[in-house]
Amino acid sequence: MIKQDIVDNVANATGLTKVEVEAVLNESFSEIIKALSNNEKIELRGFGTFSAKHRLPKKARNPKTGDPIFLPERYVPVFKPSKLMKKTVNEKLIEY
């Protein structure tokens, strides 16, 4: 599924135009990115939690060549699904 599929499905379910749905979706994504870049946590009840996790610098290896590389200190976005999401996905996939 791609973003356009989500826009189409939400537009059909709500009666809003695709342009309106896409604008809301894009602004929602922008707000999530903005909050993460300010090291804020975003909790969407029944869906999950977005946060930024700090990673320390470390030495690693390029798996293709085996050459050592250095990974600098960084923050990475992480997502933790809610219990409801985990349960629903698990039940649907088991039925499948």
Protein backbone atom coordinates (compact mmCIF):
# COMPACT_ATOMS: atom_id res chain seq x y z
CA MET A 1 0.00 0.00 0.00
CA ILE A 2 1.27 3.47 -0.84
CA LYS A 3 0.23 6.92 0.38
CA GLN A 4 -2.14 7.41 -2.56
CA ASP A 5 -4.00 4.22 -1.61
CA ILE A 6 -4.51 5.61 1.90
CA VAL A 7 -5.73 8.92 0.44
CA ASP A 8 -8.19 7.09 -1.82
CA ASN A 9 -9.51 4.88 0.99
CA VAL A 10 -9.97 7.77 3.44
CA ALA A 11 -11.62 9.94 0.78
CA ASN A 12 -14.09 7.14 -0.04
CA ALA A 13 -14.82 6.47 3.65
CA THR A 14 -15.29 10.11 4.71
CA GLY A 15 -16.72 11.83 1.65
CA LEU A 16 -13.89 14.38 1.66
CA THR A 17 -12.08 15.13 -1.58
CA LYS A 18 -8.76 13.45 -2.29
CA VAL A 19 -7.08 16.87 -2.29
CA GLU A 20 -8.40 17.61 1.22
CA VAL A 21 -7.38 14.20 2.54
CA GLU A 22 -3.90 14.47 1.03
CA ALA A 23 -3.44 17.94 2.55
CA VAL A 24 -4.42 16.65 6.01
CA LEU A 25 -2.18 13.59 5.64
CA ASN A 26 0.81 15.66 4.49
CA GLU A 27 0.37 18.12 7.36
CA SER A 28 0.07 15.24 9.84
CA PHE A 29 3.34 13.77 8.58
CA SER A 30 4.99 17.21 8.79
CA GLU A 31 3.86 17.64 12.40
CA ILE A 32 5.19 14.19 13.34
CA ILE A 33 8.56 14.98 11.73
CA LYS A 34 8.68 18.39 13.41
CA ALA A 35 7.93 16.91 16.83
CA LEU A 36 10.54 14.16 16.41
CA SER A 37 13.16 16.71 15.34
CA ASN A 38 12.42 18.56 18.62
CA ASN A 39 12.95 15.26 20.50
CA GLU A 40 9.26 15.07 21.43
CA LYS A 41 7.30 11.86 21.77
CA ILE A 42 4.09 11.41 19.74
CA GLU A 43 1.46 9.08 21.17
CA LEU A 44 -1.50 8.09 19.00
CA ARG A 45 -3.74 6.00 21.24
CA GLY A 46 -4.78 2.73 19.65
CA PHE A 47 -2.08 3.12 16.98
CA GLY A 48 1.35 3.54 18.55
CA THR A 49 4.12 5.84 19.71
CA PHE A 50 6.76 7.64 17.67
CA SER A 51 9.98 8.80 19.33
CA ALA A 52 13.59 9.60 18.51
CA LYS A 53 16.22 7.24 19.90
CA HIS A 54 19.79 8.31 20.55
CA ARG A 55 22.50 6.11 19.02
CA LEU A 56 26.09 6.37 20.20
CA PRO A 57 28.97 6.47 17.70
CA LYS A 58 30.42 3.08 16.83
CA LYS A 59 32.66 1.19 14.47
CA ALA A 60 30.92 -1.12 12.02
CA ARG A 61 31.77 -3.08 8.89
CA ASN A 62 30.58 -2.71 5.34
CA PRO A 63 28.96 -6.14 4.78
CA LYS A 64 29.82 -6.15 1.09
CA THR A 65 33.53 -5.30 1.32
CA GLY A 66 34.30 -5.99 4.98
CA ASP A 67 35.94 -2.55 5.28
CA PRO A 68 35.57 -0.88 8.68
CA ILE A 69 33.40 2.25 8.76
CA PHE A 70 32.58 4.76 11.50
CA LEU A 71 28.96 5.52 12.34
CA PRO A 72 28.65 8.92 14.05
CA GLU A 73 26.38 9.81 16.97
CA ARG A 74 22.85 10.18 15.68
CA TYR A 75 19.13 10.10 16.47
CA VAL A 76 16.87 7.68 14.65
CA PRO A 77 13.06 7.70 14.53
CA VAL A 78 11.44 4.65 16.12
CA PHE A 79 7.86 3.42 16.20
CA LYS A 80 6.31 1.21 18.87
CA PRO A 81 2.89 -0.19 17.93
CA SER A 82 0.09 -0.18 20.50
CA LYS A 83 -1.20 -3.38 22.07
CA LEU A 84 -4.43 -2.94 20.09
CA MET A 85 -2.52 -2.71 16.80
CA LYS A 86 -0.41 -5.76 17.61
CA LYS A 87 -3.48 -7.77 18.60
CA THR A 88 -5.49 -6.76 15.51
CA VAL A 89 -2.64 -7.48 13.07
CA ASN A 90 -1.90 -10.81 14.73
CA GLU A 91 -5.55 -11.91 14.64
CA LYS A 92 -6.03 -10.89 11.00
CA LEU A 93 -2.84 -12.61 9.84
CA ILE A 94 -3.64 -15.81 11.73
CA GLU A 95 -7.06 -15.92 10.01
CA TYR A 96 -5.36 -15.43 6.67
